[in-house]
Amino acid sequence: MQIAYPGGSASPQITIRMNFHPADPIMQRGVGFNMYDSGGFLLGKGVGVSDNQDTIQMSYAREKAETLTLQVYN
């Protein structure tokens, strides 16, 4: 999935959140997502939210406008 990130001096933050079911530790190890910049470099990956076993998320902010790629896997 491609995301048009606007950038700018305000450095808008985007948060990608993925909810899945069933909510258990084994399922959490088998699903996820990675985010890449326009050059194909890994910016980060979804990590577990401490208060919710069925949610992983990642936040990102940068001044540069670019097209980000979101890779979802299971």
C-alpha atoms as a PDB file:
ATOM      1  CA  MET A   1       0.000   0.000   0.000  1.00  0.00           C
ATOM      2  CA  GLN A   2       1.329   3.454  -0.894  1.00  0.00           C
ATOM      3  CA  ILE A   3       0.848   6.430   1.441  1.00  0.00           C
ATOM      4  CA  ALA A   4       1.351  10.007   0.214  1.00  0.00           C
ATOM      5  CA  TYR A   5       3.052  11.620   3.201  1.00  0.00           C
ATOM      6  CA  PRO A   6       2.799  15.443   2.937  1.00  0.00           C
ATOM      7  CA  GLY A   7       5.760  16.420   5.134  1.00  0.00           C
ATOM      8  CA  GLY A   8       6.200  20.126   5.839  1.00  0.00           C
ATOM      9  CA  SER A   9       7.575  22.273   8.606  1.00  0.00           C
ATOM     10  CA  ALA A  10       4.853  21.143  11.006  1.00  0.00           C
ATOM     11  CA  SER A  11       6.081  17.534  10.545  1.00  0.00           C
ATOM     12  CA  PRO A  12       2.646  15.922  10.704  1.00  0.00           C
ATOM     13  CA  GLN A  13       2.704  12.599  12.510  1.00  0.00           C
ATOM     14  CA  ILE A  14       0.923   9.588  11.107  1.00  0.00           C
ATOM     15  CA  THR A  15       0.111   6.537  13.173  1.00  0.00           C
ATOM     16  CA  ILE A  16      -0.596   3.193  11.528  1.00  0.00           C
ATOM     17  CA  ARG A  17      -2.541   0.838  13.775  1.00  0.00           C
ATOM     18  CA  MET A  18      -3.382  -2.782  12.973  1.00  0.00           C
ATOM     19  CA  ASN A  19      -5.937  -4.743  14.988  1.00  0.00           C
ATOM     20  CA  PHE A  20      -6.212  -8.510  14.553  1.00  0.00           C
ATOM     21  CA  HIS A  21      -8.105 -11.468  15.979  1.00  0.00           C
ATOM     22  CA  PRO A  22      -7.612 -13.725  17.916  1.00  0.00           C
ATOM     23  CA  ALA A  23      -5.675 -11.725  20.467  1.00  0.00           C
ATOM     24  CA  ASP A  24      -2.938 -14.043  21.660  1.00  0.00           C
ATOM     25  CA  PRO A  25       0.888 -14.004  21.728  1.00  0.00           C
ATOM     26  CA  ILE A  26       1.251 -16.600  18.955  1.00  0.00           C
ATOM     27  CA  MET A  27      -0.980 -14.643  16.573  1.00  0.00           C
ATOM     28  CA  GLN A  28       0.890 -11.439  17.422  1.00  0.00           C
ATOM     29  CA  ARG A  29       4.164 -13.036  16.234  1.00  0.00           C
ATOM     30  CA  GLY A  30       2.618 -14.076  12.921  1.00  0.00           C
ATOM     31  CA  VAL A  31       1.111 -10.801  11.680  1.00  0.00           C
ATOM     32  CA  GLY A  32       2.573  -7.360  11.257  1.00  0.00           C
ATOM     33  CA  PHE A  33       3.635  -4.547   9.000  1.00  0.00           C
ATOM     34  CA  ASN A  34       6.746  -2.669   7.925  1.00  0.00           C
ATOM     35  CA  MET A  35       7.007   0.873   6.577  1.00  0.00           C
ATOM     36  CA  TYR A  36       9.567   1.918   3.954  1.00  0.00           C
ATOM     37  CA  ASP A  37      10.578   5.321   2.580  1.00  0.00           C
ATOM     38  CA  SER A  38      10.645   6.214  -1.121  1.00  0.00           C
ATOM     39  CA  GLY A  39      14.177   4.801  -1.415  1.00  0.00           C
ATOM     40  CA  GLY A  40      13.129   1.411  -0.041  1.00  0.00           C
ATOM     41  CA  PHE A  41      14.771   1.818   3.360  1.00  0.00           C
ATOM     42  CA  LEU A  42      12.982   0.405   6.400  1.00  0.00           C
ATOM     43  CA  LEU A  43      11.602   3.213   8.589  1.00  0.00           C
ATOM     44  CA  GLY A  44      10.131   0.945  11.209  1.00  0.00           C
ATOM     45  CA  LYS A  45       7.741  -1.864  11.959  1.00  0.00           C
ATOM     46  CA  GLY A  46       4.558  -2.306  13.907  1.00  0.00           C
ATOM     47  CA  VAL A  47       5.144  -3.089  17.569  1.00  0.00           C
ATOM     48  CA  GLY A  48       2.765  -4.330  20.218  1.00  0.00           C
ATOM     49  CA  VAL A  49       0.697  -1.882  22.204  1.00  0.00           C
ATOM     50  CA  SER A  50       1.312  -2.653  25.858  1.00  0.00           C
ATOM     51  CA  ASP A  51      -2.310  -2.464  26.957  1.00  0.00           C
ATOM     52  CA  ASN A  52      -3.797  -4.474  24.065  1.00  0.00           C
ATOM     53  CA  GLN A  53      -2.567  -7.863  22.786  1.00  0.00           C
ATOM     54  CA  ASP A  54      -4.467  -7.603  19.493  1.00  0.00           C
ATOM     55  CA  THR A  55      -3.007  -4.254  18.351  1.00  0.00           C
ATOM     56  CA  ILE A  56       0.311  -3.263  16.830  1.00  0.00           C
ATOM     57  CA  GLN A  57       1.203   0.256  15.736  1.00  0.00           C
ATOM     58  CA  MET A  58       3.904   2.589  14.483  1.00  0.00           C
ATOM     59  CA  SER A  59       4.150   6.381  14.389  1.00  0.00           C
ATOM     60  CA  TYR A  60       6.197   8.404  11.907  1.00  0.00           C
ATOM     61  CA  ALA A  61       7.016  12.080  11.370  1.00  0.00           C
ATOM     62  CA  ARG A  62       9.523  13.803   9.088  1.00  0.00           C
ATOM     63  CA  GLU A  63       9.722  17.176   7.372  1.00  0.00           C
ATOM     64  CA  LYS A  64      10.345  15.681   3.912  1.00  0.00           C
ATOM     65  CA  ALA A  65       7.312  14.917   1.732  1.00  0.00           C
ATOM     66  CA  GLU A  66       7.496  11.464   0.152  1.00  0.00           C
ATOM     67  CA  THR A  67       5.604   8.353  -0.807  1.00  0.00           C
ATOM     68  CA  LEU A  68       5.769   5.688   1.887  1.00  0.00           C
ATOM     69  CA  THR A  69       5.180   1.990   1.336  1.00  0.00           C
ATOM     70  CA  LEU A  70       3.322  -0.076   3.895  1.00  0.00           C
ATOM     71  CA  GLN A  71       3.955  -3.845   3.750  1.00  0.00           C
ATOM     72  CA  VAL A  72       1.479  -6.019   5.653  1.00  0.00           C
ATOM     73  CA  TYR A  73       2.386  -9.655   6.307  1.00  0.00           C
ATOM     74  CA  ASN A  74       1.000 -12.757   7.984  1.00  0.00           C
END
